[in-house]
Amino acid sequence: MIDAKGVRAVVTDIEGTTSSIRFVREVLFPYARDRLARFVAAHRDSVASLLAEVRAMEGREGLDEAAVCGVMRRWIDEDRKATPLKALQGMIWREGYESGELTADVYDDTAPALRAWRDRGLRLFVYSSGSVEAQKLLFGHSAAGDLNPLFEGYFDTLVGAKAEAASYARIAAAIGLPPTEILFLSDAPSEIAAARAAGLQAIRVVRDGPCVAGEVASFDEISVI
């Protein structure tokens, strides 16, 4: 058991923390990849600005629609944290969730812990490389029910990269609490280090594999005091 003292807000990562990496990598990513070109063709007007961002990021303004879709499929394979890709994935996943084709995976301890923390008056937030849209869809269509009412806010890569301390400073400022009163949970060592560098309390969650001192295997092992 690890004690987190003086915490008034909890910010949690998603992939590998509240939800399995398998679900994200083996279900969500292929789902979006397989439907990307068809979705773009069916929603050209609404996604035009996103395609323009992809062209600009590649430095190739002349790419046609098929080529841009090819770039985004490559980015999916590379797990690129590109904002226009994440936005488009969120749109595709929305269709999947709303049709019932997708139901989001969450670890068994996730929902009970979040509800217990919220009942104790803690403010809950999400920070993920997936878009805010994708975050809300995942928690709104989880196997544990709609978890969105538990969260006060969501942060994505628009606030900054997850391995940069400045991103966590911006989150603390947006939440309106001293960094020391915010607990960040993630499976990624680089993110834990960045959060701590910004003054946040941070605990690494190791869902698969052995834990070392200061790490936990589940939210049940965290005592917020």
Protein backbone atom coordinates (compact mmCIF):
# COMPACT_ATOMS: atom_id res chain seq x y z
CA MET A 1 0.00 0.00 0.00
CA ILE A 2 1.28 3.48 -0.91
CA ASP A 3 0.04 6.57 0.91
CA ALA A 4 -0.59 9.77 -1.06
CA LYS A 5 -0.87 12.59 1.47
CA GLY A 6 -2.61 15.92 1.09
CA VAL A 7 -4.18 14.99 -2.25
CA ARG A 8 -7.21 16.96 -3.41
CA ALA A 9 -7.27 15.86 -7.06
CA VAL A 10 -6.32 12.75 -9.01
CA VAL A 11 -5.28 12.85 -12.67
CA THR A 12 -5.14 9.47 -14.40
CA ASP A 13 -3.70 8.18 -17.63
CA ILE A 14 -5.79 5.63 -19.58
CA GLU A 15 -3.75 3.11 -21.59
CA GLY A 16 -2.10 0.63 -19.23
CA THR A 17 -3.51 2.48 -16.21
CA THR A 18 -7.32 2.43 -16.17
CA SER A 19 -7.65 0.28 -19.28
CA SER A 20 -5.57 -2.48 -20.82
CA ILE A 21 -3.01 -1.77 -23.50
CA ARG A 22 -4.45 -4.77 -25.35
CA PHE A 23 -7.83 -3.06 -25.77
CA VAL A 24 -6.28 0.11 -27.14
CA ARG A 25 -3.70 -1.56 -29.38
CA GLU A 26 -5.62 -4.64 -30.51
CA VAL A 27 -9.18 -3.32 -30.66
CA LEU A 28 -9.36 0.47 -30.94
CA PHE A 29 -6.36 1.09 -33.21
CA PRO A 30 -7.27 -1.60 -35.81
CA TYR A 31 -10.92 -0.51 -35.72
CA ALA A 32 -9.97 3.05 -36.70
CA ARG A 33 -7.29 1.95 -39.17
CA ASP A 34 -9.65 -0.31 -41.10
CA ARG A 35 -12.35 2.38 -41.38
CA LEU A 36 -10.21 5.48 -41.83
CA ALA A 37 -10.40 5.91 -45.61
CA ARG A 38 -14.14 5.16 -45.77
CA PHE A 39 -14.84 7.59 -42.93
CA VAL A 40 -12.83 10.38 -44.56
CA ALA A 41 -14.61 9.85 -47.88
CA ALA A 42 -18.00 10.02 -46.15
CA HIS A 43 -17.17 13.13 -44.06
CA ARG A 44 -14.91 15.21 -46.31
CA ASP A 45 -16.19 18.60 -45.22
CA SER A 46 -15.98 17.93 -41.47
CA VAL A 47 -12.48 16.42 -41.61
CA ALA A 48 -10.94 18.80 -44.18
CA SER A 49 -9.10 20.85 -41.53
CA LEU A 50 -7.65 17.67 -39.99
CA LEU A 51 -6.34 16.49 -43.37
CA ALA A 52 -4.77 19.94 -43.86
CA GLU A 53 -2.99 19.56 -40.50
CA VAL A 54 -1.61 16.18 -41.57
CA ARG A 55 -0.28 17.68 -44.81
CA ALA A 56 1.34 20.53 -42.89
CA MET A 57 2.94 18.16 -40.38
CA GLU A 58 4.35 16.09 -43.23
CA GLY A 59 5.45 19.21 -45.10
CA ARG A 60 3.67 17.96 -48.21
CA GLU A 61 0.78 20.27 -49.08
CA GLY A 62 0.11 18.45 -52.36
CA LEU A 63 -0.88 15.09 -50.86
CA ASP A 64 -4.21 13.84 -52.13
CA GLU A 65 -6.83 12.27 -49.87
CA ALA A 66 -5.65 8.69 -50.39
CA ALA A 67 -2.07 9.64 -49.60
CA VAL A 68 -3.10 11.51 -46.43
CA CYS A 69 -5.03 8.44 -45.28
CA GLY A 70 -1.92 6.39 -45.96
CA VAL A 71 0.11 8.74 -43.77
CA MET A 72 -2.40 8.40 -40.94
CA ARG A 73 -2.43 4.61 -41.20
CA ARG A 74 1.36 4.70 -40.88
CA TRP A 75 1.04 6.95 -37.86
CA ILE A 76 -1.36 4.47 -36.27
CA ASP A 77 1.16 1.68 -36.83
CA GLU A 78 3.87 3.86 -35.28
CA ASP A 79 1.59 4.93 -32.40
CA ARG A 80 2.26 8.57 -33.26
CA LYS A 81 0.75 11.05 -30.79
CA ALA A 82 -0.42 13.37 -33.59
CA THR A 83 -3.34 15.60 -32.66
CA PRO A 84 -5.21 15.44 -36.04
CA LEU A 85 -4.93 11.65 -36.06
CA LYS A 86 -6.24 11.40 -32.50
CA ALA A 87 -9.17 13.66 -33.38
CA LEU A 88 -10.09 11.55 -36.41
CA GLN A 89 -9.77 8.32 -34.46
CA GLY A 90 -12.17 9.75 -31.89
CA MET A 91 -14.75 10.43 -34.58
CA ILE A 92 -14.49 6.89 -35.91
CA TRP A 93 -14.67 5.36 -32.45
CA ARG A 94 -17.79 7.40 -31.69
CA GLU A 95 -19.59 5.59 -34.50
CA GLY A 96 -18.37 2.26 -33.12
CA TYR A 97 -19.45 2.97 -29.56
CA GLU A 98 -22.82 4.38 -30.56
CA SER A 99 -23.53 1.40 -32.83
CA GLY A 100 -22.66 -1.03 -30.04
CA GLU A 101 -19.71 -2.50 -31.94
CA LEU A 102 -17.31 -1.20 -29.28
CA THR A 103 -17.44 -1.50 -25.50
CA ALA A 104 -14.50 -0.05 -23.62
CA ASP A 105 -12.34 -2.18 -21.38
CA VAL A 106 -11.47 -0.98 -17.88
CA TYR A 107 -9.64 -2.90 -15.16
CA ASP A 108 -11.88 -4.36 -12.44
CA ASP A 109 -10.47 -2.03 -9.76
CA THR A 110 -10.80 1.14 -11.84
CA ALA A 111 -14.46 2.05 -11.41
CA PRO A 112 -14.71 1.19 -7.67
CA ALA A 113 -11.59 3.22 -6.88
CA LEU A 114 -12.71 6.22 -8.93
CA ARG A 115 -16.14 6.17 -7.27
CA ALA A 116 -14.61 5.87 -3.80
CA TRP A 117 -12.27 8.78 -4.42
CA ARG A 118 -15.07 10.92 -5.81
CA ASP A 119 -17.28 10.05 -2.82
CA ARG A 120 -14.47 11.30 -0.56
CA GLY A 121 -14.57 14.65 -2.32
CA LEU A 122 -11.52 14.25 -4.55
CA ARG A 123 -11.61 15.96 -7.93
CA LEU A 124 -10.93 13.54 -10.81
CA PHE A 125 -9.35 14.29 -14.18
CA VAL A 126 -7.98 12.38 -17.18
CA TYR A 127 -4.76 13.09 -19.10
CA SER A 128 -4.19 10.89 -22.13
CA SER A 129 -2.55 11.12 -25.53
CA GLY A 130 -5.93 10.21 -26.99
CA SER A 131 -8.18 13.16 -27.79
CA VAL A 132 -10.63 14.46 -25.19
CA GLU A 133 -13.38 13.16 -27.48
CA ALA A 134 -11.87 9.67 -27.40
CA GLN A 135 -11.45 9.80 -23.62
CA LYS A 136 -15.11 10.68 -23.09
CA LEU A 137 -16.22 7.96 -25.48
CA LEU A 138 -14.14 5.32 -23.72
CA PHE A 139 -15.34 6.18 -20.22
CA GLY A 140 -18.89 6.77 -21.42
CA HIS A 141 -19.17 3.30 -22.97
CA SER A 142 -17.14 1.21 -20.55
CA ALA A 143 -17.89 -2.31 -19.39
CA ALA A 144 -18.41 -0.75 -15.93
CA GLY A 145 -21.01 1.71 -17.23
CA ASP A 146 -20.85 5.43 -17.88
CA LEU A 147 -17.94 6.75 -15.81
CA ASN A 148 -17.90 10.26 -17.27
CA PRO A 149 -19.97 11.78 -14.42
CA LEU A 150 -17.05 10.98 -12.10
CA PHE A 151 -14.64 13.25 -13.97
CA GLU A 152 -14.45 17.00 -13.72
CA GLY A 153 -12.21 17.48 -16.74
CA TYR A 154 -10.05 15.97 -19.45
CA PHE A 155 -6.64 16.85 -20.92
CA ASP A 156 -4.98 15.63 -24.13
CA THR A 157 -1.90 16.51 -26.18
CA LEU A 158 -3.20 20.04 -26.74
CA VAL A 159 -1.92 20.79 -23.22
CA GLY A 160 1.50 19.43 -24.18
CA ALA A 161 3.46 16.19 -24.51
CA LYS A 162 3.07 13.71 -21.68
CA ALA A 163 6.81 13.37 -21.09
CA GLU A 164 7.31 17.12 -20.55
CA ALA A 165 7.09 18.70 -17.09
CA ALA A 166 5.55 21.86 -18.53
CA SER A 167 2.43 19.89 -19.49
CA TYR A 168 1.77 18.96 -15.87
CA ALA A 169 2.38 22.52 -14.73
CA ARG A 170 -0.30 23.65 -17.18
CA ILE A 171 -2.67 20.99 -15.89
CA ALA A 172 -2.12 22.07 -12.29
CA ALA A 173 -2.80 25.67 -13.29
CA ALA A 174 -5.99 24.66 -15.11
CA ILE A 175 -7.19 22.64 -12.12
CA GLY A 176 -6.35 25.52 -9.82
CA LEU A 177 -4.50 23.57 -7.14
CA PRO A 178 -0.88 23.52 -6.02
CA PRO A 179 0.96 20.72 -7.85
CA THR A 180 1.72 19.00 -4.52
CA GLU A 181 -2.02 18.47 -3.96
CA ILE A 182 -2.45 16.61 -7.25
CA LEU A 183 -1.76 12.88 -7.70
CA PHE A 184 -0.92 11.62 -11.19
CA LEU A 185 -1.28 7.93 -12.09
CA SER A 186 0.36 6.34 -15.13
CA ASP A 187 2.12 3.21 -16.31
CA ALA A 188 4.85 5.17 -18.13
CA PRO A 189 8.07 5.98 -16.24
CA SER A 190 8.75 9.02 -18.44
CA GLU A 191 5.35 10.49 -17.56
CA ILE A 192 5.81 9.80 -13.85
CA ALA A 193 9.18 11.57 -13.97
CA ALA A 194 7.75 14.57 -15.82
CA ALA A 195 4.85 14.92 -13.37
CA ARG A 196 7.21 14.78 -10.40
CA ALA A 197 9.47 17.36 -12.02
CA ALA A 198 6.46 19.69 -12.13
CA GLY A 199 5.85 19.11 -8.41
CA LEU A 200 2.95 16.68 -8.63
CA GLN A 201 2.76 13.53 -6.58
CA ALA A 202 2.94 10.57 -8.97
CA ILE A 203 2.58 6.81 -8.66
CA ARG A 204 3.42 4.32 -11.38
CA VAL A 205 0.78 1.63 -11.97
CA VAL A 206 2.28 -1.62 -13.29
CA ARG A 207 -0.55 -3.82 -14.52
CA ASP A 208 1.65 -6.51 -16.07
CA GLY A 209 4.93 -7.52 -14.55
CA PRO A 210 6.59 -7.15 -11.16
CA CYS A 211 6.40 -3.93 -9.17
CA VAL A 212 9.34 -2.31 -7.43
CA ALA A 213 9.20 -0.07 -4.38
CA GLY A 214 6.92 2.90 -4.95
CA GLU A 215 4.83 1.19 -7.64
CA VAL A 216 1.41 -0.49 -7.45
CA ALA A 217 -0.34 -3.22 -9.41
CA SER A 218 -3.83 -1.80 -8.92
CA PHE A 219 -5.66 1.26 -7.63
CA ASP A 220 -6.58 -0.79 -4.55
CA GLU A 221 -3.00 -0.37 -3.37
CA ILE A 222 -3.24 3.43 -3.25
CA SER A 223 -4.33 5.13 -0.04
CA VAL A 224 -5.22 8.77 -0.55
CA ILE A 225 -4.94 10.57 2.77
